[in-house]
Each structure stands twice: as C-alpha cells, then as structure tokens.
N, C-alpha and C. Protein backbone atom coordinates (compact mmCIF):
# COMPACT_ATOMS: atom_id res chain seq x y z
N UNK A 1 0.85 -1.18 0.00
CA UNK A 1 0.00 0.00 0.00
C UNK A 1 0.89 1.24 0.00
N UNK A 2 0.57 2.18 -0.85
CA UNK A 2 1.36 3.40 -0.97
C UNK A 2 1.06 4.34 0.20
N UNK A 3 2.10 4.87 0.82
CA UNK A 3 1.94 5.78 1.95
C UNK A 3 1.62 7.18 1.44
N UNK A 4 0.62 7.80 2.03
CA UNK A 4 0.25 9.17 1.66
C UNK A 4 1.20 10.16 2.29
N UNK A 5 1.55 11.20 1.55
CA UNK A 5 2.41 12.23 2.12
C UNK A 5 1.57 13.20 2.94
N UNK A 6 2.17 13.71 3.99
CA UNK A 6 1.49 14.62 4.91
C UNK A 6 2.08 16.01 4.75
N UNK A 7 1.22 16.98 4.62
CA UNK A 7 1.65 18.37 4.55
C UNK A 7 1.26 19.04 5.86
N UNK A 8 2.24 19.53 6.59
CA UNK A 8 1.96 20.20 7.86
C UNK A 8 1.80 21.69 7.60
N UNK A 9 0.76 22.26 8.17
CA UNK A 9 0.47 23.68 8.01
C UNK A 9 0.62 24.38 9.34
N UNK A 10 1.15 25.59 9.32
CA UNK A 10 1.24 26.40 10.53
C UNK A 10 0.12 27.42 10.50
N UNK A 11 -0.31 27.86 11.67
CA UNK A 11 -1.34 28.90 11.79
C UNK A 11 -2.65 28.51 11.11
N UNK A 12 -3.06 27.27 11.30
CA UNK A 12 -4.35 26.82 10.78
C UNK A 12 -5.44 27.22 11.78
N UNK A 13 -6.56 27.70 11.27
CA UNK A 13 -7.67 28.17 12.11
C UNK A 13 -8.93 27.37 11.81
N UNK A 14 -9.69 27.10 12.86
CA UNK A 14 -11.00 26.46 12.71
C UNK A 14 -12.06 27.45 13.17
N UNK A 15 -13.12 27.55 12.39
CA UNK A 15 -14.23 28.44 12.72
C UNK A 15 -15.51 27.61 12.70
N UNK A 16 -16.28 27.70 13.79
CA UNK A 16 -17.56 26.99 13.86
C UNK A 16 -18.64 27.98 14.22
N UNK A 17 -19.81 27.80 13.62
CA UNK A 17 -20.93 28.68 13.93
C UNK A 17 -22.25 28.07 13.54
N UNK A 18 -23.30 28.55 14.16
CA UNK A 18 -24.65 28.12 13.83
C UNK A 18 -25.21 29.05 12.77
N UNK A 19 -25.77 28.48 11.71
CA UNK A 19 -26.35 29.26 10.62
C UNK A 19 -27.86 29.09 10.68
N UNK A 20 -28.57 30.22 10.78
CA UNK A 20 -30.02 30.23 10.82
C UNK A 20 -30.54 30.72 9.48
N UNK A 21 -31.53 30.01 8.94
CA UNK A 21 -32.02 30.34 7.61
C UNK A 21 -33.54 30.26 7.57
N UNK A 22 -34.15 31.07 6.74
CA UNK A 22 -35.59 31.00 6.52
C UNK A 22 -35.93 30.02 5.41
N UNK A 23 -34.95 29.61 4.62
CA UNK A 23 -35.21 28.77 3.46
C UNK A 23 -34.82 27.31 3.65
N UNK A 24 -34.03 27.00 4.69
CA UNK A 24 -33.64 25.63 4.98
C UNK A 24 -33.46 25.45 6.48
N UNK A 25 -33.28 24.20 6.91
CA UNK A 25 -33.09 23.94 8.33
C UNK A 25 -31.77 24.56 8.80
N UNK A 26 -31.76 24.99 10.07
CA UNK A 26 -30.54 25.53 10.67
C UNK A 26 -29.45 24.46 10.65
N UNK A 27 -28.21 24.89 10.59
CA UNK A 27 -27.10 23.94 10.55
C UNK A 27 -25.86 24.56 11.18
N UNK A 28 -24.86 23.72 11.40
CA UNK A 28 -23.56 24.14 11.91
C UNK A 28 -22.60 24.20 10.73
N UNK A 29 -21.86 25.29 10.65
CA UNK A 29 -20.83 25.46 9.63
C UNK A 29 -19.47 25.34 10.30
N UNK A 30 -18.63 24.49 9.75
CA UNK A 30 -17.26 24.31 10.27
C UNK A 30 -16.31 24.57 9.11
N UNK A 31 -15.39 25.50 9.32
CA UNK A 31 -14.41 25.83 8.28
C UNK A 31 -13.01 25.71 8.85
N UNK A 32 -12.11 25.20 8.05
CA UNK A 32 -10.71 25.15 8.44
C UNK A 32 -9.94 25.93 7.39
N UNK A 33 -9.20 26.95 7.85
CA UNK A 33 -8.46 27.84 6.97
C UNK A 33 -6.98 27.86 7.33
N UNK A 34 -6.14 28.01 6.31
CA UNK A 34 -4.71 28.23 6.49
C UNK A 34 -4.49 29.74 6.43
N UNK A 35 -4.19 30.34 7.56
CA UNK A 35 -4.10 31.81 7.65
C UNK A 35 -3.00 32.42 6.76
N UNK A 36 -1.76 31.93 6.79
CA UNK A 36 -0.71 32.60 6.01
C UNK A 36 -1.01 32.67 4.51
N UNK A 37 -1.61 31.61 3.97
CA UNK A 37 -1.89 31.59 2.53
C UNK A 37 -3.30 32.07 2.20
N UNK A 38 -4.09 32.35 3.25
CA UNK A 38 -5.50 32.77 3.07
C UNK A 38 -6.30 31.75 2.27
N UNK A 39 -6.01 30.47 2.48
CA UNK A 39 -6.72 29.41 1.77
C UNK A 39 -7.68 28.68 2.70
N UNK A 40 -8.88 28.41 2.22
CA UNK A 40 -9.81 27.55 2.95
C UNK A 40 -9.48 26.12 2.59
N UNK A 41 -9.30 25.28 3.59
CA UNK A 41 -8.93 23.89 3.38
C UNK A 41 -10.17 23.02 3.23
N UNK A 42 -11.11 23.19 4.15
CA UNK A 42 -12.33 22.40 4.09
C UNK A 42 -13.49 23.23 4.64
N UNK A 43 -14.67 22.97 4.10
CA UNK A 43 -15.90 23.63 4.53
C UNK A 43 -16.92 22.52 4.79
N UNK A 44 -17.44 22.45 6.02
CA UNK A 44 -18.35 21.37 6.41
C UNK A 44 -19.69 21.96 6.84
N UNK A 45 -20.77 21.30 6.43
CA UNK A 45 -22.13 21.71 6.80
C UNK A 45 -22.80 20.48 7.42
N UNK A 46 -23.28 20.63 8.65
CA UNK A 46 -23.90 19.50 9.36
C UNK A 46 -25.12 19.99 10.12
N UNK A 47 -26.19 19.23 10.07
CA UNK A 47 -27.42 19.58 10.77
C UNK A 47 -27.23 19.62 12.28
N UNK A 48 -28.08 20.38 12.96
CA UNK A 48 -27.96 20.54 14.41
C UNK A 48 -28.06 19.21 15.15
N UNK A 49 -29.00 18.40 14.76
CA UNK A 49 -29.20 17.11 15.44
C UNK A 49 -28.00 16.19 15.22
N UNK A 50 -27.50 16.15 14.00
CA UNK A 50 -26.33 15.31 13.71
C UNK A 50 -25.08 15.84 14.40
N UNK A 51 -24.94 17.16 14.51
CA UNK A 51 -23.81 17.74 15.22
C UNK A 51 -23.85 17.35 16.70
N UNK A 52 -25.05 17.38 17.28
CA UNK A 52 -25.20 16.97 18.69
C UNK A 52 -24.82 15.50 18.86
N UNK A 53 -25.22 14.66 17.91
CA UNK A 53 -24.85 13.24 17.99
C UNK A 53 -23.33 13.08 17.93
N UNK A 54 -22.68 13.82 17.04
CA UNK A 54 -21.23 13.73 16.91
C UNK A 54 -20.53 14.18 18.19
N UNK A 55 -21.04 15.25 18.81
CA UNK A 55 -20.45 15.75 20.05
C UNK A 55 -20.59 14.78 21.21
N UNK A 56 -21.65 14.00 21.20
CA UNK A 56 -21.90 13.10 22.31
C UNK A 56 -21.39 11.68 22.06
N UNK A 57 -20.52 11.54 21.06
CA UNK A 57 -19.82 10.28 20.89
C UNK A 57 -20.36 9.32 19.87
N UNK A 58 -21.39 9.68 19.12
CA UNK A 58 -21.89 8.78 18.09
C UNK A 58 -20.94 8.86 16.88
N UNK A 59 -20.47 7.74 16.44
CA UNK A 59 -19.49 7.71 15.35
C UNK A 59 -20.16 7.74 13.98
N UNK A 60 -19.38 8.15 12.99
CA UNK A 60 -19.76 8.07 11.59
C UNK A 60 -21.05 8.83 11.25
N UNK A 61 -21.07 10.11 11.60
CA UNK A 61 -22.20 10.97 11.26
C UNK A 61 -21.94 11.58 9.88
N UNK A 62 -22.92 11.48 8.99
CA UNK A 62 -22.77 12.03 7.66
C UNK A 62 -22.94 13.55 7.68
N UNK A 63 -22.23 14.21 6.79
CA UNK A 63 -22.33 15.66 6.65
C UNK A 63 -21.95 16.03 5.23
N UNK A 64 -22.22 17.26 4.85
CA UNK A 64 -21.78 17.78 3.57
C UNK A 64 -20.41 18.40 3.76
N UNK A 65 -19.50 18.11 2.86
CA UNK A 65 -18.18 18.72 2.98
C UNK A 65 -17.64 19.08 1.60
N UNK A 66 -16.81 20.09 1.59
CA UNK A 66 -16.20 20.55 0.35
C UNK A 66 -14.73 20.79 0.62
N UNK A 67 -13.89 20.03 -0.07
CA UNK A 67 -12.46 20.23 0.03
C UNK A 67 -12.09 21.35 -0.92
N UNK A 68 -11.54 22.42 -0.38
CA UNK A 68 -11.31 23.61 -1.18
C UNK A 68 -9.94 23.63 -1.82
C-alpha cells in the first residue's frame, strides 16, 4: 500500500458557527483555513441534530463537505 504524504500547516484556524435560515433547516458550519496563505482547506455543513450526535460520541455521522 502506498503511503500518503502529509503536509503540515502552521497557523491553521478552525471556525464553527450556527447558521439560521428562513429557506432551509438551521445547521452548523465548520471551516478550516490556512491563515498565512489565506486558503480555505475544508468547509463542512452539518445539521444541528447530527452535530449533537457527533459531540456526544456517536461515530460516523454524515455531513456535507467541500475540500477547497
């Protein structure tokens, strides 16, 4: 099996917040950004109920994600 190379980033930031909408169910937004390069690494969208399940130890919760 081929070993994957790892890229270490300095000054990586995570931002989490609750998004309230009139057109869809509320959800949690999780973003991971590399500050020096101003690049977004990943953007995750997960429903409130599924986020609560993930926080309380339930494994393998599905979510929407976008690798940037």
